[in-house]
Amino acid sequence: MVDWIPIVFVTFKFLVLGTGMFFAIKWHYDQGKKGERRAVLRAGGKVAAIFVVSLLALGLVTFLVISMLGMDLTFP
């Protein structure tokens, strides 16, 4: 019984995320067809920029925490 739990949860996760992505893409496509193409592109650019900045901030915070804990940061 326990062996099936990850399979069920991962399948459910992919179904939910896939459905959400489908409707998000469809909504943005429909908004672009309405003539608000510039607004959709601007919003997409903002989301991409926020993602990159948050990714860099997470990397910096992780590096600082690892350095404070005295962990080895060298590659083998």
PDB file of N, CA and C in Angstrom:
ATOM      1  N   MET A   1       0.822  -1.201   0.000  1.00  0.00           N
ATOM      2  CA  MET A   1       0.000   0.000   0.000  1.00  0.00           C
ATOM      3  C   MET A   1       0.860   1.256   0.000  1.00  0.00           C
ATOM      4  N   VAL A   2       1.902   1.250   0.792  1.00  0.00           N
ATOM      5  CA  VAL A   2       2.749   2.436   0.925  1.00  0.00           C
ATOM      6  C   VAL A   2       3.489   2.729  -0.379  1.00  0.00           C
ATOM      7  N   ASP A   3       3.758   1.704  -1.176  1.00  0.00           N
ATOM      8  CA  ASP A   3       4.474   1.894  -2.434  1.00  0.00           C
ATOM      9  C   ASP A   3       3.678   2.700  -3.454  1.00  0.00           C
ATOM     10  N   TRP A   4       2.362   2.706  -3.336  1.00  0.00           N
ATOM     11  CA  TRP A   4       1.520   3.396  -4.299  1.00  0.00           C
ATOM     12  C   TRP A   4       1.320   4.877  -3.978  1.00  0.00           C
ATOM     13  N   ILE A   5       1.602   5.288  -2.762  1.00  0.00           N
ATOM     14  CA  ILE A   5       1.347   6.675  -2.362  1.00  0.00           C
ATOM     15  C   ILE A   5       2.126   7.673  -3.211  1.00  0.00           C
ATOM     16  N   PRO A   6       3.437   7.508  -3.414  1.00  0.00           N
ATOM     17  CA  PRO A   6       4.145   8.481  -4.268  1.00  0.00           C
ATOM     18  C   PRO A   6       3.627   8.491  -5.702  1.00  0.00           C
ATOM     19  N   ILE A   7       3.261   7.336  -6.226  1.00  0.00           N
ATOM     20  CA  ILE A   7       2.755   7.267  -7.597  1.00  0.00           C
ATOM     21  C   ILE A   7       1.451   8.042  -7.716  1.00  0.00           C
ATOM     22  N   VAL A   8       0.561   7.857  -6.763  1.00  0.00           N
ATOM     23  CA  VAL A   8      -0.735   8.557  -6.790  1.00  0.00           C
ATOM     24  C   VAL A   8      -0.539  10.057  -6.612  1.00  0.00           C
ATOM     25  N   PHE A   9       0.298  10.457  -5.653  1.00  0.00           N
ATOM     26  CA  PHE A   9       0.494  11.889  -5.401  1.00  0.00           C
ATOM     27  C   PHE A   9       1.196  12.588  -6.559  1.00  0.00           C
ATOM     28  N   VAL A  10       2.207  11.955  -7.133  1.00  0.00           N
ATOM     29  CA  VAL A  10       2.914  12.565  -8.266  1.00  0.00           C
ATOM     30  C   VAL A  10       1.993  12.665  -9.476  1.00  0.00           C
ATOM     31  N   THR A  11       1.201  11.635  -9.719  1.00  0.00           N
ATOM     32  CA  THR A  11       0.242  11.684 -10.828  1.00  0.00           C
ATOM     33  C   THR A  11      -0.770  12.802 -10.609  1.00  0.00           C
ATOM     34  N   PHE A  12      -1.291  12.911  -9.393  1.00  0.00           N
ATOM     35  CA  PHE A  12      -2.243  13.975  -9.081  1.00  0.00           C
ATOM     36  C   PHE A  12      -1.599  15.350  -9.257  1.00  0.00           C
ATOM     37  N   LYS A  13      -0.361  15.483  -8.811  1.00  0.00           N
ATOM     38  CA  LYS A  13       0.346  16.758  -8.931  1.00  0.00           C
ATOM     39  C   LYS A  13       0.505  17.155 -10.396  1.00  0.00           C
ATOM     40  N   PHE A  14       0.920  16.207 -11.243  1.00  0.00           N
ATOM     41  CA  PHE A  14       1.081  16.506 -12.660  1.00  0.00           C
ATOM     42  C   PHE A  14      -0.255  16.846 -13.321  1.00  0.00           C
ATOM     43  N   LEU A  15      -1.311  16.175 -12.932  1.00  0.00           N
ATOM     44  CA  LEU A  15      -2.624  16.489 -13.499  1.00  0.00           C
ATOM     45  C   LEU A  15      -3.079  17.889 -13.107  1.00  0.00           C
ATOM     46  N   VAL A  16      -2.913  18.240 -11.835  1.00  0.00           N
ATOM     47  CA  VAL A  16      -3.340  19.560 -11.373  1.00  0.00           C
ATOM     48  C   VAL A  16      -2.494  20.653 -12.005  1.00  0.00           C
ATOM     49  N   LEU A  17      -1.164  20.484 -11.987  1.00  0.00           N
ATOM     50  CA  LEU A  17      -0.290  21.501 -12.573  1.00  0.00           C
ATOM     51  C   LEU A  17      -0.486  21.592 -14.086  1.00  0.00           C
ATOM     52  N   GLY A  18      -0.666  20.456 -14.750  1.00  0.00           N
ATOM     53  CA  GLY A  18      -0.894  20.479 -16.190  1.00  0.00           C
ATOM     54  C   GLY A  18      -2.189  21.188 -16.554  1.00  0.00           C
ATOM     55  N   THR A  19      -3.240  20.930 -15.783  1.00  0.00           N
ATOM     56  CA  THR A  19      -4.512  21.611 -16.023  1.00  0.00           C
ATOM     57  C   THR A  19      -4.378  23.113 -15.797  1.00  0.00           C
ATOM     58  N   GLY A  20      -3.693  23.476 -14.718  1.00  0.00           N
ATOM     59  CA  GLY A  20      -3.489  24.898 -14.432  1.00  0.00           C
ATOM     60  C   GLY A  20      -2.676  25.587 -15.509  1.00  0.00           C
ATOM     61  N   MET A  21      -1.624  24.928 -15.990  1.00  0.00           N
ATOM     62  CA  MET A  21      -0.810  25.519 -17.053  1.00  0.00           C
ATOM     63  C   MET A  21      -1.602  25.651 -18.342  1.00  0.00           C
ATOM     64  N   PHE A  22      -2.417  24.649 -18.651  1.00  0.00           N
ATOM     65  CA  PHE A  22      -3.229  24.721 -19.864  1.00  0.00           C
ATOM     66  C   PHE A  22      -4.151  25.937 -19.835  1.00  0.00           C
ATOM     67  N   PHE A  23      -4.865  26.117 -18.712  1.00  0.00           N
ATOM     68  CA  PHE A  23      -5.805  27.231 -18.644  1.00  0.00           C
ATOM     69  C   PHE A  23      -5.080  28.575 -18.557  1.00  0.00           C
ATOM     70  N   ALA A  24      -3.900  28.613 -17.936  1.00  0.00           N
ATOM     71  CA  ALA A  24      -3.134  29.861 -17.895  1.00  0.00           C
ATOM     72  C   ALA A  24      -2.669  30.260 -19.293  1.00  0.00           C
ATOM     73  N   ILE A  25      -2.165  29.290 -20.046  1.00  0.00           N
ATOM     74  CA  ILE A  25      -1.721  29.582 -21.412  1.00  0.00           C
ATOM     75  C   ILE A  25      -2.901  29.979 -22.278  1.00  0.00           C
ATOM     76  N   LYS A  26      -4.015  29.271 -22.125  1.00  0.00           N
ATOM     77  CA  LYS A  26      -5.212  29.600 -22.906  1.00  0.00           C
ATOM     78  C   LYS A  26      -5.706  31.005 -22.577  1.00  0.00           C
ATOM     79  N   TRP A  27      -5.695  31.377 -21.308  1.00  0.00           N
ATOM     80  CA  TRP A  27      -6.160  32.704 -20.916  1.00  0.00           C
ATOM     81  C   TRP A  27      -5.244  33.775 -21.507  1.00  0.00           C
ATOM     82  N   HIS A  28      -3.931  33.568 -21.427  1.00  0.00           N
ATOM     83  CA  HIS A  28      -3.003  34.552 -21.978  1.00  0.00           C
ATOM     84  C   HIS A  28      -3.126  34.631 -23.500  1.00  0.00           C
ATOM     85  N   TYR A  29      -3.343  33.509 -24.141  1.00  0.00           N
ATOM     86  CA  TYR A  29      -3.517  33.510 -25.592  1.00  0.00           C
ATOM     87  C   TYR A  29      -4.779  34.282 -25.967  1.00  0.00           C
ATOM     88  N   ASP A  30      -5.861  34.046 -25.235  1.00  0.00           N
ATOM     89  CA  ASP A  30      -7.106  34.762 -25.507  1.00  0.00           C
ATOM     90  C   ASP A  30      -6.954  36.259 -25.244  1.00  0.00           C
ATOM     91  N   GLN A  31      -6.205  36.639 -24.215  1.00  0.00           N
ATOM     92  CA  GLN A  31      -5.977  38.055 -23.940  1.00  0.00           C
ATOM     93  C   GLN A  31      -5.167  38.697 -25.058  1.00  0.00           C
ATOM     94  N   GLY A  32      -4.202  37.956 -25.596  1.00  0.00           N
ATOM     95  CA  GLY A  32      -3.392  38.472 -26.695  1.00  0.00           C
ATOM     96  C   GLY A  32      -4.195  38.672 -27.957  1.00  0.00           C
ATOM     97  N   LYS A  33      -5.203  37.830 -28.179  1.00  0.00           N
ATOM     98  CA  LYS A  33      -6.043  37.967 -29.360  1.00  0.00           C
ATOM     99  C   LYS A  33      -6.962  39.177 -29.259  1.00  0.00           C
ATOM    100  N   LYS A  34      -7.211  39.663 -28.057  1.00  0.00           N
ATOM    101  CA  LYS A  34      -8.113  40.794 -27.878  1.00  0.00           C
ATOM    102  C   LYS A  34      -7.462  42.118 -28.272  1.00  0.00           C
ATOM    103  N   GLY A  35      -6.194  42.120 -28.564  1.00  0.00           N
ATOM    104  CA  GLY A  35      -5.525  43.354 -28.949  1.00  0.00           C
ATOM    105  C   GLY A  35      -4.671  43.930 -27.841  1.00  0.00           C
ATOM    106  N   GLU A  36      -4.624  43.284 -26.704  1.00  0.00           N
ATOM    107  CA  GLU A  36      -3.805  43.760 -25.589  1.00  0.00           C
ATOM    108  C   GLU A  36      -2.460  43.035 -25.587  1.00  0.00           C
ATOM    109  N   ARG A  37      -1.890  42.879 -26.749  1.00  0.00           N
ATOM    110  CA  ARG A  37      -0.656  42.114 -26.897  1.00  0.00           C
ATOM    111  C   ARG A  37       0.488  42.759 -26.119  1.00  0.00           C
ATOM    112  N   ARG A  38       0.560  44.070 -26.159  1.00  0.00           N
ATOM    113  CA  ARG A  38       1.644  44.774 -25.461  1.00  0.00           C
ATOM    114  C   ARG A  38       1.549  44.562 -23.951  1.00  0.00           C
ATOM    115  N   ALA A  39       0.347  44.588 -23.409  1.00  0.00           N
ATOM    116  CA  ALA A  39       0.158  44.393 -21.972  1.00  0.00           C
ATOM    117  C   ALA A  39       0.522  42.966 -21.564  1.00  0.00           C
ATOM    118  N   VAL A  40       0.180  41.997 -22.403  1.00  0.00           N
ATOM    119  CA  VAL A  40       0.502  40.602 -22.097  1.00  0.00           C
ATOM    120  C   VAL A  40       2.014  40.398 -22.128  1.00  0.00           C
ATOM    121  N   LEU A  41       2.684  40.978 -23.121  1.00  0.00           N
ATOM    122  CA  LEU A  41       4.139  40.853 -23.197  1.00  0.00           C
ATOM    123  C   LEU A  41       4.816  41.546 -22.024  1.00  0.00           C
ATOM    124  N   ARG A  42       4.293  42.692 -21.630  1.00  0.00           N
ATOM    125  CA  ARG A  42       4.863  43.414 -20.488  1.00  0.00           C
ATOM    126  C   ARG A  42       4.689  42.600 -19.204  1.00  0.00           C
ATOM    127  N   ALA A  43       3.530  42.011 -19.016  1.00  0.00           N
ATOM    128  CA  ALA A  43       3.294  41.193 -17.826  1.00  0.00           C
ATOM    129  C   ALA A  43       4.195  39.959 -17.835  1.00  0.00           C
ATOM    130  N   GLY A  44       4.369  39.342 -18.990  1.00  0.00           N
ATOM    131  CA  GLY A  44       5.264  38.190 -19.090  1.00  0.00           C
ATOM    132  C   GLY A  44       6.700  38.557 -18.789  1.00  0.00           C
ATOM    133  N   GLY A  45       7.134  39.726 -19.248  1.00  0.00           N
ATOM    134  CA  GLY A  45       8.481  40.199 -18.954  1.00  0.00           C
ATOM    135  C   GLY A  45       8.683  40.465 -17.473  1.00  0.00           C
ATOM    136  N   LYS A  46       7.661  41.036 -16.840  1.00  0.00           N
ATOM    137  CA  LYS A  46       7.752  41.290 -15.399  1.00  0.00           C
ATOM    138  C   LYS A  46       7.860  39.993 -14.617  1.00  0.00           C
ATOM    139  N   VAL A  47       7.060  39.005 -14.979  1.00  0.00           N
ATOM    140  CA  VAL A  47       7.092  37.713 -14.292  1.00  0.00           C
ATOM    141  C   VAL A  47       8.456  37.054 -14.479  1.00  0.00           C
ATOM    142  N   ALA A  48       9.001  37.112 -15.691  1.00  0.00           N
ATOM    143  CA  ALA A  48      10.321  36.520 -15.949  1.00  0.00           C
ATOM    144  C   ALA A  48      11.400  37.236 -15.145  1.00  0.00           C
ATOM    145  N   ALA A  49      11.338  38.555 -15.082  1.00  0.00           N
ATOM    146  CA  ALA A  49      12.328  39.323 -14.324  1.00  0.00           C
ATOM    147  C   ALA A  49      12.235  39.022 -12.827  1.00  0.00           C
ATOM    148  N   ILE A  50      11.028  38.947 -12.304  1.00  0.00           N
ATOM    149  CA  ILE A  50      10.846  38.623 -10.883  1.00  0.00           C
ATOM    150  C   ILE A  50      11.371  37.225 -10.589  1.00  0.00           C
ATOM    151  N   PHE A  51      11.143  36.284 -11.502  1.00  0.00           N
ATOM    152  CA  PHE A  51      11.636  34.928 -11.310  1.00  0.00           C
ATOM    153  C   PHE A  51      13.157  34.895 -11.258  1.00  0.00           C
ATOM    154  N   VAL A  52      13.806  35.597 -12.176  1.00  0.00           N
ATOM    155  CA  VAL A  52      15.273  35.603 -12.210  1.00  0.00           C
ATOM    156  C   VAL A  52      15.834  36.264 -10.960  1.00  0.00           C
ATOM    157  N   VAL A  53      15.266  37.389 -10.539  1.00  0.00           N
ATOM    158  CA  VAL A  53      15.747  38.078  -9.345  1.00  0.00           C
ATOM    159  C   VAL A  53      15.542  37.218  -8.099  1.00  0.00           C
ATOM    160  N   SER A  54      14.393  36.558  -7.996  1.00  0.00           N
ATOM    161  CA  SER A  54      14.155  35.695  -6.831  1.00  0.00           C
ATOM    162  C   SER A  54      15.074  34.482  -6.844  1.00  0.00           C
ATOM    163  N   LEU A  55      15.386  33.961  -8.019  1.00  0.00           N
ATOM    164  CA  LEU A  55      16.318  32.843  -8.121  1.00  0.00           C
ATOM    165  C   LEU A  55      17.720  33.261  -7.677  1.00  0.00           C
ATOM    166  N   LEU A  56      18.166  34.434  -8.097  1.00  0.00           N
ATOM    167  CA  LEU A  56      19.471  34.937  -7.665  1.00  0.00           C
ATOM    168  C   LEU A  56      19.495  35.206  -6.162  1.00  0.00           C
ATOM    169  N   ALA A  57      18.426  35.765  -5.626  1.00  0.00           N
ATOM    170  CA  ALA A  57      18.356  36.035  -4.186  1.00  0.00           C
ATOM    171  C   ALA A  57      18.387  34.731  -3.389  1.00  0.00           C
ATOM    172  N   LEU A  58      17.679  33.725  -3.854  1.00  0.00           N
ATOM    173  CA  LEU A  58      17.691  32.436  -3.177  1.00  0.00           C
ATOM    174  C   LEU A  58      19.084  31.820  -3.193  1.00  0.00           C
ATOM    175  N   GLY A  59      19.766  31.915  -4.309  1.00  0.00           N
ATOM    176  CA  GLY A  59      21.134  31.407  -4.393  1.00  0.00           C
ATOM    177  C   GLY A  59      22.068  32.140  -3.447  1.00  0.00           C
ATOM    178  N   LEU A  60      21.936  33.457  -3.358  1.00  0.00           N
ATOM    179  CA  LEU A  60      22.775  34.248  -2.455  1.00  0.00           C
ATOM    180  C   LEU A  60      22.500  33.901  -0.998  1.00  0.00           C
ATOM    181  N   VAL A  61      21.227  33.800  -0.632  1.00  0.00           N
ATOM    182  CA  VAL A  61      20.874  33.443   0.743  1.00  0.00           C
ATOM    183  C   VAL A  61      21.392  32.055   1.085  1.00  0.00           C
ATOM    184  N   THR A  62      21.255  31.117   0.164  1.00  0.00           N
ATOM    185  CA  THR A  62      21.760  29.766   0.394  1.00  0.00           C
ATOM    186  C   THR A  62      23.263  29.775   0.594  1.00  0.00           C
ATOM    187  N   PHE A  63      23.983  30.520  -0.238  1.00  0.00           N
ATOM    188  CA  PHE A  63      25.437  30.618  -0.110  1.00  0.00           C
ATOM    189  C   PHE A  63      25.831  31.221   1.233  1.00  0.00           C
ATOM    190  N   LEU A  64      25.134  32.274   1.662  1.00  0.00           N
ATOM    191  CA  LEU A  64      25.451  32.912   2.937  1.00  0.00           C
ATOM    192  C   LEU A  64      25.175  31.982   4.120  1.00  0.00           C
ATOM    193  N   VAL A  65      24.064  31.256   4.081  1.00  0.00           N
ATOM    194  CA  VAL A  65      23.736  30.335   5.177  1.00  0.00           C
ATOM    195  C   VAL A  65      24.759  29.205   5.243  1.00  0.00           C
ATOM    196  N   ILE A  66      25.140  28.672   4.095  1.00  0.00           N
ATOM    197  CA  ILE A  66      26.133  27.601   4.075  1.00  0.00           C
ATOM    198  C   ILE A  66      27.472  28.113   4.595  1.00  0.00           C
ATOM    199  N   SER A  67      27.828  29.333   4.222  1.00  0.00           N
ATOM    200  CA  SER A  67      29.088  29.915   4.708  1.00  0.00           C
ATOM    201  C   SER A  67      29.045  30.127   6.216  1.00  0.00           C
ATOM    202  N   MET A  68      27.925  30.598   6.743  1.00  0.00           N
ATOM    203  CA  MET A  68      27.807  30.821   8.186  1.00  0.00           C
ATOM    204  C   MET A  68      27.874  29.516   8.970  1.00  0.00           C
ATOM    205  N   LEU A  69      27.365  28.442   8.399  1.00  0.00           N
ATOM    206  CA  LEU A  69      27.390  27.154   9.078  1.00  0.00           C
ATOM    207  C   LEU A  69      28.749  26.462   8.962  1.00  0.00           C
ATOM    208  N   GLY A  70      29.634  27.024   8.155  1.00  0.00           N
ATOM    209  CA  GLY A  70      30.972  26.464   8.029  1.00  0.00           C
ATOM    210  C   GLY A  70      31.047  25.218   7.171  1.00  0.00           C
ATOM    211  N   MET A  71      30.128  25.069   6.245  1.00  0.00           N
ATOM    212  CA  MET A  71      30.138  23.885   5.396  1.00  0.00           C
ATOM    213  C   MET A  71      31.176  24.060   4.278  1.00  0.00           C
ATOM    214  N   ASP A  72      31.655  22.949   3.766  1.00  0.00           N
ATOM    215  CA  ASP A  72      32.667  22.958   2.701  1.00  0.00           C
ATOM    216  C   ASP A  72      31.990  23.291   1.364  1.00  0.00           C
ATOM    217  N   LEU A  73      32.473  24.322   0.692  1.00  0.00           N
ATOM    218  CA  LEU A  73      31.873  24.759  -0.568  1.00  0.00           C
ATOM    219  C   LEU A  73      32.703  24.377  -1.785  1.00  0.00           C
ATOM    220  N   THR A  74      33.735  23.562  -1.612  1.00  0.00           N
ATOM    221  CA  THR A  74      34.593  23.213  -2.732  1.00  0.00           C
ATOM    222  C   THR A  74      33.991  22.053  -3.523  1.00  0.00           C
ATOM    223  N   PHE A  75      34.221  22.077  -4.832  1.00  0.00           N
ATOM    224  CA  PHE A  75      33.792  20.976  -5.677  1.00  0.00           C
ATOM    225  C   PHE A  75      34.843  19.890  -5.649  1.00  0.00           C
ATOM    226  N   PRO A  76      34.438  18.638  -5.801  1.00  0.00           N
ATOM    227  CA  PRO A  76      35.422  17.547  -5.763  1.00  0.00           C
ATOM    228  C   PRO A  76      36.372  17.566  -6.949  1.00  0.00           C
TER     229      PRO A  76
END
